Amino acid sequence: MSIHPLIVTGPTATGKTRLAVNLARKYNGEIISADSRQVYKGLDLGTGKDLEEYGTPPDSIPAHLIDIVEPNQEFHLKKFLESAQAAIQDIMSRGKLPIIAGGTPLYVNALIRGYQLPGGEPDPELRKQLLEMDERQLLEKLHQIASPELIQRTDTTQKKRIARAIEIASSNEDDALNYPPLQNPLVIAPFFDRAEIHRRIELRLDERLQQGMIREVEMLHQHGVSWERLDWFGLEYRYIAKFLKNELELQEMRNQLLAKIRGFCKSQTIWFRKMEREGIDIHWIQDGDFNHAANLVKLWLNNKPLPKPTIRLADTHYGAKSKTISKQAVGRQSASQDRP
């Protein structure tokens, strides 16, 4: 039996954490979060850490890359790749299965395919100075120091893109970062139709509001997290901050947030379609069925041939409106669950 990283991903509110934890219990695994916000301490309900899913000591499933930085600290793709690869090696060195679980497609895709970052990591001080300049000044500086090739591939309509190009042009070639792709990962993801996803999103949002998500945002602000920083943390923190600033009524905030989360879910599926088109096999698990997922993992761990994915977002419309994801496809999945 060989050990390689297992990846459990998919859109928001599909039960990724629960599926990953159950697989970790069955196959002696540990979880590595691939969520860009769960690294931050204090961002619990709004990021869906679902810490109760991991269980309680001494029987809890170990989780990595959760609660590792303060809210006012920076965490970006480079730090994720470094931390995730270190966690993978640590887990494998102890003969356990690393399970990357999360729905930040940028992180998941970069980890699977490998990632090259010309010019090294972002320079916070230089970036701050650059963003204080107007676009005309930035473009002048870019044309002064950058190569024609770098200028040509830079999106000059966005200040952050121009600033990043200047960082690259200001750095040494030796600063370039290169992260190799994962070897033989298995990628699985719970699949639900659009109507069910929307129902789950609404149910989860209302549960988290009842559990104290507004209080969570209020406490973060009281402990020094600025409104601007809360806006940067994403939808839940942005819209609850609007409510706390009396810019939205409670029901208005809830309804707008619900619509935005559903839109975010759609943007995630666009990423997963792109990953499929670029050659990554994602095994979509109808209704997040554990037995189907566990059978796939068993085949993969024993180096047995895997069935081809029976659902491909790249070939279908995502959700209930699509008749392409048919009973025939679901039947093929059910049959594959019977394989040893």
Protein backbone atom coordinates (compact mmCIF):
# COMPACT_ATOMS: atom_id res chain seq x y z
CA MET A 1 0.00 0.00 0.00
CA SER A 2 1.47 3.34 -1.07
CA ILE A 3 0.78 6.65 0.63
CA HIS A 4 0.07 9.80 -1.37
CA PRO A 5 -2.00 12.87 -0.49
CA LEU A 6 -5.77 12.51 -0.71
CA ILE A 7 -7.71 15.67 -1.57
CA VAL A 8 -11.31 16.33 -0.52
CA THR A 9 -12.59 19.52 -2.11
CA GLY A 10 -15.72 21.00 -3.67
CA PRO A 11 -18.08 23.96 -3.32
CA THR A 12 -19.15 25.49 -0.04
CA ALA A 13 -21.73 23.74 2.18
CA THR A 14 -21.23 20.27 0.69
CA GLY A 15 -19.85 18.53 3.79
CA LYS A 16 -16.17 18.37 2.83
CA THR A 17 -14.93 18.45 6.41
CA ARG A 18 -17.21 15.66 7.60
CA LEU A 19 -16.31 13.45 4.65
CA ALA A 20 -12.58 14.11 5.10
CA VAL A 21 -12.70 13.38 8.84
CA ASN A 22 -14.63 10.14 8.33
CA LEU A 23 -12.09 9.03 5.72
CA ALA A 24 -9.28 9.96 8.12
CA ARG A 25 -10.84 7.74 10.80
CA LYS A 26 -11.11 4.82 8.39
CA TYR A 27 -7.68 5.15 6.78
CA ASN A 28 -5.48 6.47 9.60
CA GLY A 29 -5.28 9.99 8.24
CA GLU A 30 -4.73 13.57 9.35
CA ILE A 31 -6.38 16.67 7.88
CA ILE A 32 -4.58 19.58 6.22
CA SER A 33 -6.94 22.52 5.71
CA ALA A 34 -6.89 24.08 2.23
CA ASP A 35 -9.04 27.04 3.21
CA SER A 36 -7.56 30.51 2.84
CA ARG A 37 -9.36 31.84 5.94
CA GLN A 38 -9.30 28.97 8.41
CA VAL A 39 -5.64 29.71 9.14
CA TYR A 40 -6.77 32.80 11.09
CA LYS A 41 -7.46 32.61 14.82
CA GLY A 42 -10.89 33.80 15.85
CA LEU A 43 -12.48 33.35 12.43
CA ASP A 44 -14.49 30.28 13.36
CA LEU A 45 -18.17 30.39 12.43
CA GLY A 46 -17.64 32.68 9.46
CA THR A 47 -15.08 30.35 7.88
CA GLY A 48 -16.86 27.12 8.71
CA LYS A 49 -14.07 25.47 10.69
CA ASP A 50 -16.56 22.94 12.07
CA LEU A 51 -14.05 21.98 14.75
CA GLU A 52 -16.57 19.68 16.41
CA GLU A 53 -16.31 17.39 13.38
CA TYR A 54 -12.76 16.42 14.37
CA GLY A 55 -13.90 14.91 17.65
CA THR A 56 -12.48 15.31 21.17
CA PRO A 57 -9.14 14.11 22.57
CA PRO A 58 -7.81 11.51 22.77
CA ASP A 59 -9.81 10.31 19.77
CA SER A 60 -9.82 13.53 17.75
CA ILE A 61 -8.43 13.65 14.22
CA PRO A 62 -5.35 15.92 14.01
CA ALA A 63 -5.84 19.02 11.85
CA HIS A 64 -3.11 21.19 10.34
CA LEU A 65 -3.17 24.78 9.01
CA ILE A 66 -6.07 25.85 11.23
CA ASP A 67 -5.66 28.69 13.76
CA ILE A 68 -2.00 29.30 12.94
CA VAL A 69 -1.88 33.11 12.40
CA GLU A 70 -3.41 36.17 14.03
CA PRO A 71 -6.13 38.05 12.13
CA ASN A 72 -3.87 41.03 11.41
CA GLN A 73 -1.06 38.88 10.02
CA GLU A 74 -0.68 38.07 6.33
CA PHE A 75 -1.08 34.59 4.90
CA HIS A 76 -0.83 33.98 1.18
CA LEU A 77 -0.36 31.24 -1.39
CA LYS A 78 3.39 30.88 -0.84
CA LYS A 79 2.94 30.34 2.88
CA PHE A 80 0.16 27.86 2.23
CA LEU A 81 2.27 25.81 -0.18
CA GLU A 82 5.24 25.79 2.19
CA SER A 83 3.10 24.87 5.19
CA ALA A 84 1.04 22.26 3.34
CA GLN A 85 4.06 20.51 1.86
CA ALA A 86 5.77 20.45 5.25
CA ALA A 87 2.63 18.97 6.82
CA ILE A 88 2.35 16.36 4.05
CA GLN A 89 5.93 15.21 4.62
CA ASP A 90 5.45 15.12 8.40
CA ILE A 91 2.27 13.05 8.17
CA MET A 92 3.72 10.63 5.61
CA SER A 93 6.90 10.20 7.67
CA ARG A 94 4.69 8.82 10.44
CA GLY A 95 3.02 6.34 8.10
CA LYS A 96 -0.30 8.19 8.07
CA LEU A 97 -2.47 9.44 5.22
CA PRO A 98 -2.40 13.20 4.50
CA ILE A 99 -5.88 14.44 3.58
CA ILE A 100 -6.05 17.94 2.13
CA ALA A 101 -9.57 19.26 2.78
CA GLY A 102 -10.92 22.60 1.67
CA GLY A 103 -12.69 24.63 -0.93
CA THR A 104 -10.21 27.37 -1.87
CA PRO A 105 -9.64 26.31 -5.49
CA LEU A 106 -6.54 28.48 -5.93
CA TYR A 107 -4.82 26.64 -3.07
CA VAL A 108 -6.02 23.19 -4.15
CA ASN A 109 -5.10 23.71 -7.80
CA ALA A 110 -1.64 25.10 -7.00
CA LEU A 111 -0.92 22.19 -4.67
CA ILE A 112 -2.00 19.56 -7.21
CA ARG A 113 -0.41 21.04 -10.32
CA GLY A 114 2.61 22.70 -8.78
CA TYR A 115 3.23 26.41 -8.85
CA GLN A 116 5.88 28.79 -10.11
CA LEU A 117 6.09 32.30 -8.71
CA PRO A 118 8.52 34.57 -10.58
CA GLY A 119 10.17 37.24 -8.50
CA GLY A 120 9.73 35.54 -5.16
CA GLU A 121 7.14 36.24 -2.50
CA PRO A 122 5.30 39.57 -2.13
CA ASP A 123 7.15 42.36 -0.30
CA PRO A 124 4.61 43.94 2.10
CA GLU A 125 6.56 47.16 2.63
CA LEU A 126 7.21 47.73 -1.06
CA ARG A 127 3.62 46.79 -1.88
CA LYS A 128 2.32 49.37 0.62
CA GLN A 129 4.48 52.10 -0.91
CA LEU A 130 3.42 51.18 -4.44
CA LEU A 131 -0.30 51.13 -3.68
CA GLU A 132 -0.04 54.67 -2.30
CA MET A 133 0.91 55.80 -5.81
CA ASP A 134 -1.70 56.51 -8.47
CA GLU A 135 -2.00 54.37 -11.59
CA ARG A 136 -0.10 56.82 -13.79
CA GLN A 137 2.89 56.81 -11.42
CA LEU A 138 2.80 53.02 -11.19
CA LEU A 139 2.76 52.63 -14.96
CA GLU A 140 5.68 55.03 -15.32
CA LYS A 141 7.70 53.04 -12.78
CA LEU A 142 6.76 49.76 -14.45
CA HIS A 143 7.97 50.99 -17.85
CA GLN A 144 11.19 52.26 -16.28
CA ILE A 145 12.30 48.96 -14.74
CA ALA A 146 10.38 46.08 -16.35
CA SER A 147 11.16 44.10 -19.48
CA PRO A 148 8.85 44.41 -22.50
CA GLU A 149 7.75 40.79 -21.94
CA LEU A 150 6.74 41.47 -18.32
CA ILE A 151 4.91 44.66 -19.30
CA GLN A 152 3.04 42.81 -22.04
CA ARG A 153 1.71 40.10 -19.72
CA THR A 154 0.73 42.52 -16.93
CA ASP A 155 -2.91 43.48 -16.47
CA THR A 156 -2.45 47.24 -16.35
CA THR A 157 -6.09 47.87 -15.46
CA GLN A 158 -5.52 46.74 -11.86
CA LYS A 159 -3.21 48.54 -9.44
CA LYS A 160 -2.38 45.35 -7.53
CA ARG A 161 -1.30 43.62 -10.75
CA ILE A 162 0.92 46.56 -11.70
CA ALA A 163 2.40 46.61 -8.19
CA ARG A 164 3.15 42.89 -8.36
CA ALA A 165 4.86 43.33 -11.75
CA ILE A 166 7.06 46.04 -10.24
CA GLU A 167 7.95 43.69 -7.37
CA ILE A 168 8.95 41.03 -9.89
CA ALA A 169 11.01 43.49 -11.92
CA SER A 170 12.72 44.72 -8.74
CA SER A 171 13.74 41.22 -7.60
CA ASN A 172 16.52 38.86 -8.59
CA GLU A 173 15.90 35.82 -10.79
CA ASP A 174 17.18 33.70 -7.91
CA ASP A 175 14.13 34.79 -5.90
CA ALA A 176 11.77 32.81 -8.14
CA LEU A 177 9.82 30.13 -6.30
CA ASN A 178 9.06 26.69 -7.70
CA TYR A 179 6.73 24.20 -6.03
CA PRO A 180 6.52 20.76 -7.66
CA PRO A 181 3.17 19.07 -8.33
CA LEU A 182 1.80 16.36 -6.06
CA GLN A 183 2.50 12.81 -7.10
CA ASN A 184 -0.55 10.61 -7.78
CA PRO A 185 -3.15 12.44 -5.70
CA LEU A 186 -6.75 11.27 -5.55
CA VAL A 187 -9.23 14.16 -5.76
CA ILE A 188 -12.78 13.58 -4.55
CA ALA A 189 -15.62 16.04 -3.99
CA PRO A 190 -19.20 15.76 -2.69
CA PHE A 191 -21.78 16.52 -5.39
CA PHE A 192 -25.29 17.90 -4.89
CA ASP A 193 -27.65 19.46 -7.40
CA ARG A 194 -28.10 23.21 -7.42
CA ALA A 195 -31.39 23.24 -5.50
CA GLU A 196 -29.92 21.13 -2.71
CA ILE A 197 -26.73 23.22 -2.56
CA HIS A 198 -28.86 26.37 -2.21
CA ARG A 199 -30.93 24.74 0.54
CA ARG A 200 -27.81 23.67 2.42
CA ILE A 201 -26.25 27.12 2.12
CA GLU A 202 -29.36 28.77 3.57
CA LEU A 203 -29.66 26.24 6.39
CA ARG A 204 -26.00 26.61 7.30
CA LEU A 205 -26.10 30.41 7.23
CA ASP A 206 -29.11 30.57 9.55
CA GLU A 207 -27.53 28.05 11.91
CA ARG A 208 -24.33 30.08 12.14
CA LEU A 209 -26.19 33.32 12.72
CA GLN A 210 -28.04 31.61 15.57
CA GLN A 211 -24.76 30.21 16.94
CA GLY A 212 -23.24 33.69 17.28
CA MET A 213 -21.55 34.66 14.00
CA ILE A 214 -22.54 38.31 14.49
CA ARG A 215 -20.95 38.27 17.93
CA GLU A 216 -17.82 36.71 16.43
CA VAL A 217 -17.40 39.62 14.01
CA GLU A 218 -18.16 42.15 16.74
CA MET A 219 -15.48 40.63 19.00
CA LEU A 220 -12.89 40.63 16.21
CA HIS A 221 -13.48 44.34 15.66
CA GLN A 222 -13.35 45.07 19.39
CA HIS A 223 -9.97 43.30 19.52
CA GLY A 224 -8.43 45.52 16.88
CA VAL A 225 -9.45 44.04 13.53
CA SER A 226 -10.40 47.01 11.35
CA TRP A 227 -13.56 47.24 9.26
CA GLU A 228 -11.31 47.22 6.17
CA ARG A 229 -9.64 44.02 7.31
CA LEU A 230 -13.00 42.39 8.04
CA ASP A 231 -14.11 43.30 4.52
CA TRP A 232 -10.98 41.58 3.19
CA PHE A 233 -11.88 38.38 5.08
CA GLY A 234 -14.80 37.77 2.77
CA LEU A 235 -18.56 37.70 2.54
CA GLU A 236 -19.67 36.76 6.05
CA TYR A 237 -17.37 39.31 7.69
CA ARG A 238 -18.09 41.99 5.09
CA TYR A 239 -21.89 41.86 5.37
CA ILE A 240 -22.05 41.42 9.11
CA ALA A 241 -19.71 44.41 9.43
CA LYS A 242 -22.19 46.39 7.34
CA PHE A 243 -24.91 45.41 9.81
CA LEU A 244 -22.76 46.36 12.80
CA LYS A 245 -22.09 49.75 11.19
CA ASN A 246 -25.86 50.23 10.76
CA GLU A 247 -25.56 50.19 6.99
CA LEU A 248 -27.96 47.23 6.70
CA GLU A 249 -30.90 45.96 8.71
CA LEU A 250 -30.59 42.43 10.12
CA GLN A 251 -32.92 40.73 7.65
CA GLU A 252 -31.51 42.76 4.77
CA MET A 253 -28.00 41.70 5.76
CA ARG A 254 -29.02 38.05 6.00
CA ASN A 255 -30.73 38.06 2.59
CA GLN A 256 -27.91 39.85 0.79
CA LEU A 257 -25.34 37.57 2.38
CA LEU A 258 -27.29 34.49 1.36
CA ALA A 259 -27.40 35.65 -2.27
CA LYS A 260 -23.68 36.43 -2.27
CA ILE A 261 -22.72 33.04 -0.80
CA ARG A 262 -24.76 31.31 -3.49
CA GLY A 263 -22.93 33.40 -6.09
CA PHE A 264 -19.61 32.46 -4.49
CA CYS A 265 -20.55 28.80 -4.78
CA LYS A 266 -21.07 29.31 -8.51
CA SER A 267 -17.61 30.90 -8.84
CA GLN A 268 -16.08 27.89 -7.08
CA THR A 269 -17.67 25.51 -9.60
CA ILE A 270 -16.16 27.59 -12.43
CA TRP A 271 -12.74 26.91 -10.91
CA PHE A 272 -13.44 23.18 -10.66
CA ARG A 273 -14.61 23.09 -14.29
CA LYS A 274 -11.32 24.73 -15.26
CA MET A 275 -9.33 22.19 -13.26
CA GLU A 276 -11.14 19.33 -15.04
CA ARG A 277 -10.50 20.88 -18.45
CA GLU A 278 -6.81 21.15 -17.58
CA GLY A 279 -6.60 17.42 -16.95
CA ILE A 280 -7.33 16.97 -13.24
CA ASP A 281 -9.71 14.08 -12.56
CA ILE A 282 -12.20 15.03 -9.85
CA HIS A 283 -14.31 12.13 -8.61
CA TRP A 284 -17.63 13.76 -7.74
CA ILE A 285 -19.41 11.77 -5.04
CA GLN A 286 -23.19 11.89 -5.43
CA ASP A 287 -24.71 13.30 -2.21
CA GLY A 288 -21.31 12.93 -0.52
CA ASP A 289 -21.86 9.17 -0.09
CA PHE A 290 -19.19 7.90 2.31
CA ASN A 291 -19.15 4.30 1.10
CA HIS A 292 -18.53 5.36 -2.49
CA ALA A 293 -15.71 7.66 -1.38
CA ALA A 294 -14.18 5.02 0.89
CA ASN A 295 -14.17 2.42 -1.91
CA LEU A 296 -12.37 4.81 -4.24
CA VAL A 297 -9.77 5.54 -1.55
CA LYS A 298 -9.27 1.80 -0.96
CA LEU A 299 -8.61 1.15 -4.65
CA TRP A 300 -6.26 4.12 -4.85
CA LEU A 301 -4.27 3.22 -1.74
CA ASN A 302 -3.76 -0.29 -3.11
CA ASN A 303 -2.64 1.00 -6.52
CA LYS A 304 -5.68 -0.52 -8.22
CA PRO A 305 -7.19 1.07 -11.36
CA LEU A 306 -9.79 3.70 -10.60
CA PRO A 307 -13.03 4.05 -12.55
CA LYS A 308 -13.30 7.18 -14.64
CA PRO A 309 -15.30 9.98 -13.00
CA THR A 310 -18.99 9.57 -13.79
CA ILE A 311 -19.79 13.25 -13.27
CA ARG A 312 -17.76 15.99 -14.91
CA LEU A 313 -18.64 19.63 -14.33
CA ALA A 314 -16.67 20.51 -17.44
CA ASP A 315 -19.17 18.58 -19.57
CA THR A 316 -22.39 19.56 -17.80
CA HIS A 317 -24.40 22.36 -16.35
CA TYR A 318 -23.94 22.24 -12.59
CA GLY A 319 -27.12 21.44 -10.74
CA ALA A 320 -30.75 20.53 -11.09
CA LYS A 321 -31.25 22.37 -14.38
CA SER A 322 -28.95 19.89 -16.11
CA LYS A 323 -30.42 16.69 -17.48
CA THR A 324 -26.91 15.62 -18.50
CA ILE A 325 -26.21 14.56 -14.92
CA SER A 326 -28.78 11.86 -15.21
CA LYS A 327 -30.07 8.82 -13.42
CA GLN A 328 -27.79 6.85 -15.72
CA ALA A 329 -24.74 8.65 -14.34
CA VAL A 330 -25.89 8.18 -10.78
CA GLY A 331 -26.48 4.50 -11.54
CA ARG A 332 -22.93 4.14 -12.80
CA GLN A 333 -21.71 5.68 -9.56
CA SER A 334 -23.83 3.31 -7.49
CA ALA A 335 -22.41 0.34 -9.41
CA SER A 336 -18.87 1.56 -8.78
CA GLN A 337 -19.56 1.55 -5.04
CA ASP A 338 -19.83 -2.23 -5.15
CA ARG A 339 -16.25 -2.67 -6.33
CA PRO A 340 -13.86 -4.14 -3.75
